[in-house]
PDB file of N, CA and C in Angstrom:
ATOM      1  N   MET A   1      13.087 -14.530  -7.310  1.00  0.00           N
ATOM      2  CA  MET A   1      12.079 -13.540  -7.392  1.00  0.00           C
ATOM      3  C   MET A   1      12.578 -12.482  -7.715  1.00  0.00           C
ATOM      4  N   PHE A   2      11.880 -11.503  -8.823  1.00  0.00           N
ATOM      5  CA  PHE A   2      12.499 -10.097  -9.203  1.00  0.00           C
ATOM      6  C   PHE A   2      11.563  -9.193  -8.370  1.00  0.00           C
ATOM      7  N   THR A   3      12.118  -8.164  -8.261  1.00  0.00           N
ATOM      8  CA  THR A   3      11.435  -6.954  -7.797  1.00  0.00           C
ATOM      9  C   THR A   3      11.113  -6.072  -8.853  1.00  0.00           C
ATOM     10  N   VAL A   4       9.852  -5.547  -9.439  1.00  0.00           N
ATOM     11  CA  VAL A   4       9.358  -4.906 -10.501  1.00  0.00           C
ATOM     12  C   VAL A   4       8.503  -3.896  -9.859  1.00  0.00           C
ATOM     13  N   ILE A   5       9.314  -2.749 -10.048  1.00  0.00           N
ATOM     14  CA  ILE A   5       8.580  -1.497  -9.554  1.00  0.00           C
ATOM     15  C   ILE A   5       7.838  -0.622 -10.625  1.00  0.00           C
ATOM     16  N   ALA A   6       6.546  -0.748 -10.555  1.00  0.00           N
ATOM     17  CA  ALA A   6       5.647   0.209 -11.731  1.00  0.00           C
ATOM     18  C   ALA A   6       5.866   1.657 -11.592  1.00  0.00           C
ATOM     19  N   GLU A   7       6.393   2.233 -12.666  1.00  0.00           N
ATOM     20  CA  GLU A   7       6.726   3.656 -12.643  1.00  0.00           C
ATOM     21  C   GLU A   7       5.710   4.522 -13.100  1.00  0.00           C
ATOM     22  N   ARG A   8       4.483   4.258 -13.537  1.00  0.00           N
ATOM     23  CA  ARG A   8       3.658   4.879 -14.386  1.00  0.00           C
ATOM     24  C   ARG A   8       2.926   6.102 -13.496  1.00  0.00           C
ATOM     25  N   ILE A   9       2.936   6.097 -12.253  1.00  0.00           N
ATOM     26  CA  ILE A   9       2.552   6.908 -11.447  1.00  0.00           C
ATOM     27  C   ILE A   9       3.248   8.038 -11.144  1.00  0.00           C
ATOM     28  N   ASN A  10       3.645   8.824 -11.932  1.00  0.00           N
ATOM     29  CA  ASN A  10       4.980   9.957 -11.815  1.00  0.00           C
ATOM     30  C   ASN A  10       4.237  11.002 -12.495  1.00  0.00           C
ATOM     31  N   MET A  11       4.330  12.006 -11.609  1.00  0.00           N
ATOM     32  CA  MET A  11       3.788  13.415 -11.916  1.00  0.00           C
ATOM     33  C   MET A  11       4.760  14.316 -12.851  1.00  0.00           C
ATOM     34  N   THR A  12       5.931  13.760 -13.133  1.00  0.00           N
ATOM     35  CA  THR A  12       6.994  14.447 -14.114  1.00  0.00           C
ATOM     36  C   THR A  12       6.367  14.333 -15.395  1.00  0.00           C
ATOM     37  N   ARG A  13       5.487  13.272 -15.754  1.00  0.00           N
ATOM     38  CA  ARG A  13       4.617  13.023 -16.919  1.00  0.00           C
ATOM     39  C   ARG A  13       3.395  13.964 -17.001  1.00  0.00           C
ATOM     40  N   LYS A  14       3.130  14.731 -17.787  1.00  0.00           N
ATOM     41  CA  LYS A  14       2.449  15.672 -17.990  1.00  0.00           C
ATOM     42  C   LYS A  14       0.574  15.163 -18.142  1.00  0.00           C
ATOM     43  N   SER A  15       0.695  13.949 -18.498  1.00  0.00           N
ATOM     44  CA  SER A  15      -0.548  13.196 -18.380  1.00  0.00           C
ATOM     45  C   SER A  15      -1.061  12.862 -17.091  1.00  0.00           C
ATOM     46  N   ILE A  16      -0.103  12.334 -16.390  1.00  0.00           N
ATOM     47  CA  ILE A  16      -0.475  11.854 -15.091  1.00  0.00           C
ATOM     48  C   ILE A  16      -0.755  13.214 -13.943  1.00  0.00           C
ATOM     49  N   ARG A  17       0.164  14.273 -14.342  1.00  0.00           N
ATOM     50  CA  ARG A  17       0.386  15.327 -13.408  1.00  0.00           C
ATOM     51  C   ARG A  17      -1.317  16.144 -13.759  1.00  0.00           C
ATOM     52  N   THR A  18      -1.629  16.111 -14.945  1.00  0.00           N
ATOM     53  CA  THR A  18      -3.030  16.568 -15.102  1.00  0.00           C
ATOM     54  C   THR A  18      -4.144  15.806 -14.540  1.00  0.00           C
ATOM     55  N   LYS A  19      -3.937  14.574 -14.428  1.00  0.00           N
ATOM     56  CA  LYS A  19      -5.241  13.970 -13.916  1.00  0.00           C
ATOM     57  C   LYS A  19      -5.132  14.211 -12.322  1.00  0.00           C
ATOM     58  N   VAL A  20      -3.725  13.871 -11.889  1.00  0.00           N
ATOM     59  CA  VAL A  20      -3.613  14.047 -10.293  1.00  0.00           C
ATOM     60  C   VAL A  20      -4.278  15.353  -9.934  1.00  0.00           C
ATOM     61  N   TRP A  21      -3.842  16.364 -10.390  1.00  0.00           N
ATOM     62  CA  TRP A  21      -4.426  17.765 -10.149  1.00  0.00           C
ATOM     63  C   TRP A  21      -5.915  18.013 -10.302  1.00  0.00           C
ATOM     64  N   GLU A  22      -6.376  17.130 -11.226  1.00  0.00           N
ATOM     65  CA  GLU A  22      -7.818  17.109 -11.452  1.00  0.00           C
ATOM     66  C   GLU A  22      -8.464  16.247 -10.587  1.00  0.00           C
ATOM     67  N   ARG A  23      -7.916  15.350  -9.666  1.00  0.00           N
ATOM     68  CA  ARG A  23      -8.150  14.544  -8.362  1.00  0.00           C
ATOM     69  C   ARG A  23      -9.094  13.461  -8.825  1.00  0.00           C
ATOM     70  N   ASP A  24      -8.639  12.862 -10.257  1.00  0.00           N
ATOM     71  CA  ASP A  24      -9.240  11.904 -11.183  1.00  0.00           C
ATOM     72  C   ASP A  24      -8.948  10.756 -10.485  1.00  0.00           C
ATOM     73  N   GLU A  25      -9.659  10.016  -9.461  1.00  0.00           N
ATOM     74  CA  GLU A  25      -9.475   8.737  -8.972  1.00  0.00           C
ATOM     75  C   GLU A  25      -9.551   7.642  -9.874  1.00  0.00           C
ATOM     76  N   ASP A  26     -10.520   7.493 -10.647  1.00  0.00           N
ATOM     77  CA  ASP A  26     -10.692   6.550 -11.429  1.00  0.00           C
ATOM     78  C   ASP A  26      -9.485   6.152 -12.293  1.00  0.00           C
ATOM     79  N   PHE A  27      -9.085   7.377 -12.829  1.00  0.00           N
ATOM     80  CA  PHE A  27      -7.580   7.413 -13.619  1.00  0.00           C
ATOM     81  C   PHE A  27      -6.682   6.575 -12.729  1.00  0.00           C
ATOM     82  N   VAL A  28      -6.487   6.819 -11.599  1.00  0.00           N
ATOM     83  CA  VAL A  28      -5.415   6.387 -10.887  1.00  0.00           C
ATOM     84  C   VAL A  28      -5.584   4.996 -10.328  1.00  0.00           C
ATOM     85  N   ARG A  29      -6.658   4.717 -10.140  1.00  0.00           N
ATOM     86  CA  ARG A  29      -6.896   3.304 -10.137  1.00  0.00           C
ATOM     87  C   ARG A  29      -6.742   2.604 -10.926  1.00  0.00           C
ATOM     88  N   ASN A  30      -7.295   2.883 -12.424  1.00  0.00           N
ATOM     89  CA  ASN A  30      -6.684   2.144 -13.554  1.00  0.00           C
ATOM     90  C   ASN A  30      -5.457   2.149 -13.762  1.00  0.00           C
ATOM     91  N   GLU A  31      -4.637   2.951 -13.380  1.00  0.00           N
ATOM     92  CA  GLU A  31      -3.287   2.716 -13.531  1.00  0.00           C
ATOM     93  C   GLU A  31      -2.452   1.798 -12.685  1.00  0.00           C
ATOM     94  N   VAL A  32      -3.302   1.775 -11.391  1.00  0.00           N
ATOM     95  CA  VAL A  32      -2.578   0.754 -10.235  1.00  0.00           C
ATOM     96  C   VAL A  32      -3.009  -0.540 -11.009  1.00  0.00           C
ATOM     97  N   THR A  33      -4.222  -0.620 -11.459  1.00  0.00           N
ATOM     98  CA  THR A  33      -4.701  -1.996 -11.812  1.00  0.00           C
ATOM     99  C   THR A  33      -3.979  -2.475 -12.936  1.00  0.00           C
ATOM    100  N   ARG A  34      -3.476  -1.929 -13.991  1.00  0.00           N
ATOM    101  CA  ARG A  34      -2.938  -2.004 -15.212  1.00  0.00           C
ATOM    102  C   ARG A  34      -1.299  -2.587 -14.978  1.00  0.00           C
ATOM    103  N   GLN A  35      -0.840  -1.750 -13.920  1.00  0.00           N
ATOM    104  CA  GLN A  35       0.518  -2.325 -13.532  1.00  0.00           C
ATOM    105  C   GLN A  35       0.667  -3.452 -12.716  1.00  0.00           C
ATOM    106  N   TRP A  36      -0.260  -3.829 -12.003  1.00  0.00           N
ATOM    107  CA  TRP A  36      -0.428  -4.881 -11.121  1.00  0.00           C
ATOM    108  C   TRP A  36      -0.936  -6.069 -11.939  1.00  0.00           C
ATOM    109  N   GLU A  37      -1.517  -5.967 -12.984  1.00  0.00           N
ATOM    110  CA  GLU A  37      -2.022  -6.982 -13.837  1.00  0.00           C
ATOM    111  C   GLU A  37      -0.511  -7.243 -14.767  1.00  0.00           C
ATOM    112  N   ALA A  38       0.257  -6.122 -15.105  1.00  0.00           N
ATOM    113  CA  ALA A  38       1.469  -6.709 -15.894  1.00  0.00           C
ATOM    114  C   ALA A  38       2.612  -7.216 -15.002  1.00  0.00           C
ATOM    115  N   GLY A  39       2.369  -7.413 -13.860  1.00  0.00           N
ATOM    116  CA  GLY A  39       3.459  -8.217 -13.112  1.00  0.00           C
ATOM    117  C   GLY A  39       4.183  -7.219 -11.779  1.00  0.00           C
ATOM    118  N   ALA A  40       3.670  -6.155 -11.823  1.00  0.00           N
ATOM    119  CA  ALA A  40       4.541  -5.054 -11.015  1.00  0.00           C
ATOM    120  C   ALA A  40       4.332  -5.966  -9.380  1.00  0.00           C
ATOM    121  N   THR A  41       5.380  -5.884  -8.651  1.00  0.00           N
ATOM    122  CA  THR A  41       5.436  -6.102  -7.358  1.00  0.00           C
ATOM    123  C   THR A  41       5.453  -4.974  -6.318  1.00  0.00           C
ATOM    124  N   HIS A  42       5.858  -3.554  -6.617  1.00  0.00           N
ATOM    125  CA  HIS A  42       5.568  -2.494  -6.238  1.00  0.00           C
ATOM    126  C   HIS A  42       4.990  -1.566  -7.076  1.00  0.00           C
ATOM    127  N   ILE A  43       4.229  -0.370  -6.350  1.00  0.00           N
ATOM    128  CA  ILE A  43       3.925   0.622  -7.003  1.00  0.00           C
ATOM    129  C   ILE A  43       4.376   1.762  -6.532  1.00  0.00           C
ATOM    130  N   ASP A  44       5.280   2.550  -7.826  1.00  0.00           N
ATOM    131  CA  ASP A  44       5.763   3.831  -7.448  1.00  0.00           C
ATOM    132  C   ASP A  44       5.014   5.010  -7.425  1.00  0.00           C
ATOM    133  N   ILE A  45       5.163   5.801  -6.385  1.00  0.00           N
ATOM    134  CA  ILE A  45       4.229   7.012  -6.511  1.00  0.00           C
ATOM    135  C   ILE A  45       5.188   8.244  -6.360  1.00  0.00           C
ATOM    136  N   ASN A  46       5.398   9.173  -7.376  1.00  0.00           N
ATOM    137  CA  ASN A  46       6.132  10.321  -7.735  1.00  0.00           C
ATOM    138  C   ASN A  46       5.094  11.281  -7.784  1.00  0.00           C
ATOM    139  N   ALA A  47       5.166  12.373  -6.626  1.00  0.00           N
ATOM    140  CA  ALA A  47       4.130  13.490  -6.601  1.00  0.00           C
ATOM    141  C   ALA A  47       5.009  14.770  -6.896  1.00  0.00           C
ATOM    142  N   GLY A  48       5.927  14.774  -7.648  1.00  0.00           N
ATOM    143  CA  GLY A  48       6.621  15.851  -7.902  1.00  0.00           C
ATOM    144  C   GLY A  48       6.404  16.716  -9.126  1.00  0.00           C
ATOM    145  N   GLY A  49       5.216  16.853  -9.255  1.00  0.00           N
ATOM    146  CA  GLY A  49       4.793  17.868 -10.226  1.00  0.00           C
ATOM    147  C   GLY A  49       5.008  19.366 -10.295  1.00  0.00           C
ATOM    148  N   ASP A  50       4.831  19.836  -8.694  1.00  0.00           N
ATOM    149  CA  ASP A  50       4.724  21.044  -8.372  1.00  0.00           C
ATOM    150  C   ASP A  50       5.776  21.005  -7.008  1.00  0.00           C
ATOM    151  N   PRO A  51       6.613  21.330  -6.689  1.00  0.00           N
ATOM    152  CA  PRO A  51       7.306  21.316  -5.377  1.00  0.00           C
ATOM    153  C   PRO A  51       6.257  22.044  -4.290  1.00  0.00           C
ATOM    154  N   SER A  52       5.457  22.965  -4.569  1.00  0.00           N
ATOM    155  CA  SER A  52       4.684  23.677  -3.622  1.00  0.00           C
ATOM    156  C   SER A  52       3.406  22.846  -3.199  1.00  0.00           C
ATOM    157  N   LYS A  53       3.225  21.554  -4.089  1.00  0.00           N
ATOM    158  CA  LYS A  53       2.016  20.896  -4.013  1.00  0.00           C
ATOM    159  C   LYS A  53       2.241  19.550  -3.571  1.00  0.00           C
ATOM    160  N   GLU A  54       3.486  19.111  -3.318  1.00  0.00           N
ATOM    161  CA  GLU A  54       3.886  17.982  -3.351  1.00  0.00           C
ATOM    162  C   GLU A  54       3.535  17.034  -2.227  1.00  0.00           C
ATOM    163  N   VAL A  55       3.760  17.569  -1.329  1.00  0.00           N
ATOM    164  CA  VAL A  55       3.188  17.034   0.043  1.00  0.00           C
ATOM    165  C   VAL A  55       1.749  16.418  -0.107  1.00  0.00           C
ATOM    166  N   ASP A  56       0.938  17.711  -0.384  1.00  0.00           N
ATOM    167  CA  ASP A  56      -0.735  17.176  -0.808  1.00  0.00           C
ATOM    168  C   ASP A  56      -0.850  16.241  -1.748  1.00  0.00           C
ATOM    169  N   ASP A  57      -0.060  16.203  -2.931  1.00  0.00           N
ATOM    170  CA  ASP A  57      -0.318  15.316  -4.014  1.00  0.00           C
ATOM    171  C   ASP A  57       0.275  13.851  -3.373  1.00  0.00           C
ATOM    172  N   MET A  58       1.293  13.942  -2.772  1.00  0.00           N
ATOM    173  CA  MET A  58       1.725  12.580  -2.070  1.00  0.00           C
ATOM    174  C   MET A  58       0.662  12.043  -1.341  1.00  0.00           C
ATOM    175  N   MET A  59       0.062  12.655  -0.572  1.00  0.00           N
ATOM    176  CA  MET A  59      -0.926  12.308   0.450  1.00  0.00           C
ATOM    177  C   MET A  59      -2.460  11.634  -0.506  1.00  0.00           C
ATOM    178  N   TRP A  60      -2.743  12.470  -1.445  1.00  0.00           N
ATOM    179  CA  TRP A  60      -3.698  12.095  -2.229  1.00  0.00           C
ATOM    180  C   TRP A  60      -3.543  11.016  -2.687  1.00  0.00           C
ATOM    181  N   LEU A  61      -2.448  10.790  -3.545  1.00  0.00           N
ATOM    182  CA  LEU A  61      -2.033   9.448  -4.282  1.00  0.00           C
ATOM    183  C   LEU A  61      -2.009   8.499  -3.618  1.00  0.00           C
ATOM    184  N   THR A  62      -1.129   8.526  -2.364  1.00  0.00           N
ATOM    185  CA  THR A  62      -1.135   7.289  -1.209  1.00  0.00           C
ATOM    186  C   THR A  62      -2.466   6.753  -0.834  1.00  0.00           C
ATOM    187  N   LYS A  63      -3.427   7.761  -0.587  1.00  0.00           N
ATOM    188  CA  LYS A  63      -4.712   7.221  -0.025  1.00  0.00           C
ATOM    189  C   LYS A  63      -5.102   6.325  -1.142  1.00  0.00           C
ATOM    190  N   ILE A  64      -5.179   6.978  -2.266  1.00  0.00           N
ATOM    191  CA  ILE A  64      -6.070   6.293  -3.646  1.00  0.00           C
ATOM    192  C   ILE A  64      -5.159   4.567  -3.696  1.00  0.00           C
ATOM    193  N   VAL A  65      -4.055   5.206  -4.113  1.00  0.00           N
ATOM    194  CA  VAL A  65      -3.089   3.743  -4.371  1.00  0.00           C
ATOM    195  C   VAL A  65      -3.381   2.518  -3.345  1.00  0.00           C
ATOM    196  N   CYS A  66      -3.052   2.822  -2.129  1.00  0.00           N
ATOM    197  CA  CYS A  66      -3.053   2.011  -0.865  1.00  0.00           C
ATOM    198  C   CYS A  66      -4.498   1.383  -0.544  1.00  0.00           C
ATOM    199  N   ALA A  67      -5.756   2.355  -1.124  1.00  0.00           N
ATOM    200  CA  ALA A  67      -7.128   1.703  -0.713  1.00  0.00           C
ATOM    201  C   ALA A  67      -7.049   0.984  -2.099  1.00  0.00           C
ATOM    202  N   HIS A  68      -6.464   0.825  -3.223  1.00  0.00           N
ATOM    203  CA  HIS A  68      -6.622  -0.232  -4.207  1.00  0.00           C
ATOM    204  C   HIS A  68      -5.793  -1.090  -4.606  1.00  0.00           C
ATOM    205  N   THR A  69      -4.789  -1.337  -3.772  1.00  0.00           N
ATOM    206  CA  THR A  69      -4.019  -2.667  -4.071  1.00  0.00           C
ATOM    207  C   THR A  69      -3.107  -2.775  -2.611  1.00  0.00           C
ATOM    208  N   ASP A  70      -2.714  -3.998  -2.352  1.00  0.00           N
ATOM    209  CA  ASP A  70      -2.132  -4.483  -1.209  1.00  0.00           C
ATOM    210  C   ASP A  70      -0.718  -4.545  -1.476  1.00  0.00           C
ATOM    211  N   LEU A  71      -0.248  -3.993  -2.769  1.00  0.00           N
ATOM    212  CA  LEU A  71       1.367  -4.168  -3.104  1.00  0.00           C
ATOM    213  C   LEU A  71       1.880  -3.041  -2.228  1.00  0.00           C
ATOM    214  N   PRO A  72       3.094  -3.444  -1.958  1.00  0.00           N
ATOM    215  CA  PRO A  72       4.068  -2.440  -1.526  1.00  0.00           C
ATOM    216  C   PRO A  72       4.319  -1.194  -2.144  1.00  0.00           C
ATOM    217  N   ILE A  73       4.537  -0.184  -1.552  1.00  0.00           N
ATOM    218  CA  ILE A  73       4.995   1.082  -2.400  1.00  0.00           C
ATOM    219  C   ILE A  73       6.275   1.704  -2.417  1.00  0.00           C
ATOM    220  N   SER A  74       6.590   2.254  -3.476  1.00  0.00           N
ATOM    221  CA  SER A  74       7.963   2.620  -3.409  1.00  0.00           C
ATOM    222  C   SER A  74       7.788   4.240  -3.723  1.00  0.00           C
ATOM    223  N   PHE A  75       7.877   4.906  -2.666  1.00  0.00           N
ATOM    224  CA  PHE A  75       7.825   6.628  -2.493  1.00  0.00           C
ATOM    225  C   PHE A  75       9.081   6.983  -3.221  1.00  0.00           C
ATOM    226  N   ASP A  76       8.888   7.828  -4.214  1.00  0.00           N
ATOM    227  CA  ASP A  76       9.818   8.467  -5.140  1.00  0.00           C
ATOM    228  C   ASP A  76       9.738   9.826  -5.015  1.00  0.00           C
ATOM    229  N   SER A  77      10.483  10.609  -4.093  1.00  0.00           N
ATOM    230  CA  SER A  77      10.908  11.844  -3.751  1.00  0.00           C
ATOM    231  C   SER A  77      12.179  12.357  -3.247  1.00  0.00           C
ATOM    232  N   ALA A  78      12.595  13.450  -3.680  1.00  0.00           N
ATOM    233  CA  ALA A  78      13.563  14.051  -3.078  1.00  0.00           C
ATOM    234  C   ALA A  78      13.307  14.845  -1.834  1.00  0.00           C
ATOM    235  N   ASN A  79      11.857  15.130  -1.654  1.00  0.00           N
ATOM    236  CA  ASN A  79      11.288  15.870  -0.574  1.00  0.00           C
ATOM    237  C   ASN A  79      11.266  14.984   0.567  1.00  0.00           C
ATOM    238  N   PRO A  80      11.694  15.006   1.635  1.00  0.00           N
ATOM    239  CA  PRO A  80      11.555  14.314   2.882  1.00  0.00           C
ATOM    240  C   PRO A  80      10.105  14.523   3.363  1.00  0.00           C
ATOM    241  N   ASP A  81       9.460  15.801   3.344  1.00  0.00           N
ATOM    242  CA  ASP A  81       8.214  15.938   4.070  1.00  0.00           C
ATOM    243  C   ASP A  81       7.282  15.196   3.083  1.00  0.00           C
ATOM    244  N   ALA A  82       7.477  15.136   1.785  1.00  0.00           N
ATOM    245  CA  ALA A  82       6.728  14.286   1.143  1.00  0.00           C
ATOM    246  C   ALA A  82       6.601  12.910   1.605  1.00  0.00           C
ATOM    247  N   ILE A  83       7.695  12.050   1.270  1.00  0.00           N
ATOM    248  CA  ILE A  83       8.303  10.811   1.964  1.00  0.00           C
ATOM    249  C   ILE A  83       7.325  10.629   3.111  1.00  0.00           C
ATOM    250  N   LYS A  84       7.600  11.363   4.318  1.00  0.00           N
ATOM    251  CA  LYS A  84       7.309  11.050   5.377  1.00  0.00           C
ATOM    252  C   LYS A  84       5.791  11.127   5.536  1.00  0.00           C
ATOM    253  N   ALA A  85       5.096  12.140   4.811  1.00  0.00           N
ATOM    254  CA  ALA A  85       3.484  11.966   4.515  1.00  0.00           C
ATOM    255  C   ALA A  85       2.854  10.882   4.187  1.00  0.00           C
ATOM    256  N   GLY A  86       3.623  10.358   2.837  1.00  0.00           N
ATOM    257  CA  GLY A  86       3.196   9.008   2.188  1.00  0.00           C
ATOM    258  C   GLY A  86       3.550   8.141   3.424  1.00  0.00           C
ATOM    259  N   LEU A  87       4.614   7.716   3.988  1.00  0.00           N
ATOM    260  CA  LEU A  87       4.689   6.525   5.091  1.00  0.00           C
ATOM    261  C   LEU A  87       3.804   6.752   6.065  1.00  0.00           C
ATOM    262  N   GLU A  88       3.386   7.910   6.546  1.00  0.00           N
ATOM    263  CA  GLU A  88       2.287   8.044   7.490  1.00  0.00           C
ATOM    264  C   GLU A  88       1.004   7.550   7.091  1.00  0.00           C
ATOM    265  N   ILE A  89       0.684   7.578   5.907  1.00  0.00           N
ATOM    266  CA  ILE A  89      -0.651   7.040   5.404  1.00  0.00           C
ATOM    267  C   ILE A  89      -0.591   5.495   5.117  1.00  0.00           C
ATOM    268  N   CYS A  90       0.505   5.295   4.601  1.00  0.00           N
ATOM    269  CA  CYS A  90       0.689   3.666   4.113  1.00  0.00           C
ATOM    270  C   CYS A  90       2.392   3.166   4.242  1.00  0.00           C
ATOM    271  N   ASN A  91       2.467   2.450   5.440  1.00  0.00           N
ATOM    272  CA  ASN A  91       3.594   1.971   5.517  1.00  0.00           C
ATOM    273  C   ASN A  91       3.609   0.404   5.707  1.00  0.00           C
ATOM    274  N   ARG A  92       3.702  -0.238   4.502  1.00  0.00           N
ATOM    275  CA  ARG A  92       3.428  -1.554   4.505  1.00  0.00           C
ATOM    276  C   ARG A  92       4.891  -2.142   4.453  1.00  0.00           C
ATOM    277  N   PRO A  93       4.941  -3.430   4.846  1.00  0.00           N
ATOM    278  CA  PRO A  93       5.966  -4.134   4.611  1.00  0.00           C
ATOM    279  C   PRO A  93       6.489  -4.338   3.356  1.00  0.00           C
ATOM    280  N   GLY A  94       7.773  -4.017   2.976  1.00  0.00           N
ATOM    281  CA  GLY A  94       8.194  -4.172   1.590  1.00  0.00           C
ATOM    282  C   GLY A  94       8.197  -2.808   0.810  1.00  0.00           C
ATOM    283  N   SER A  95       7.771  -1.568   1.733  1.00  0.00           N
ATOM    284  CA  SER A  95       7.810  -0.268   1.029  1.00  0.00           C
ATOM    285  C   SER A  95       9.244   0.056   0.940  1.00  0.00           C
ATOM    286  N   ILE A  96       9.469   1.014  -0.144  1.00  0.00           N
ATOM    287  CA  ILE A  96      10.851   1.305  -0.607  1.00  0.00           C
ATOM    288  C   ILE A  96      10.730   3.048  -0.741  1.00  0.00           C
ATOM    289  N   ILE A  97      11.893   3.546  -0.274  1.00  0.00           N
ATOM    290  CA  ILE A  97      12.054   5.261  -0.304  1.00  0.00           C
ATOM    291  C   ILE A  97      13.027   5.299  -1.682  1.00  0.00           C
ATOM    292  N   THR A  98      12.821   6.019  -2.545  1.00  0.00           N
ATOM    293  CA  THR A  98      13.598   6.044  -3.694  1.00  0.00           C
ATOM    294  C   THR A  98      13.867   7.680  -3.678  1.00  0.00           C
ATOM    295  N   PRO A  99      14.668   8.106  -3.079  1.00  0.00           N
ATOM    296  CA  PRO A  99      14.976   9.858  -2.992  1.00  0.00           C
ATOM    297  C   PRO A  99      15.612  10.323  -4.502  1.00  0.00           C
TER     298      PRO A  99
END
């Protein structure tokens, strides 16, 4: 069995960052669905678009992603506060932290 971490919800990508800051839930849900359908075993969440907003963005993304899939989450951040915020919302078996 392989672990396949879906990497599309990454706020270093301008298109993702813009949609997250617009709080476009449908866009994020669509990204989750596309990655799950492509065979992902984990959904990566990187909220590092703006360090001053990272904790809030991680919380928002985690709520949307976890409400839309049962897959484990890969919390991708060098900010321990953002990782902690995400884990407090959704700490599933199989979750991964990737600093």
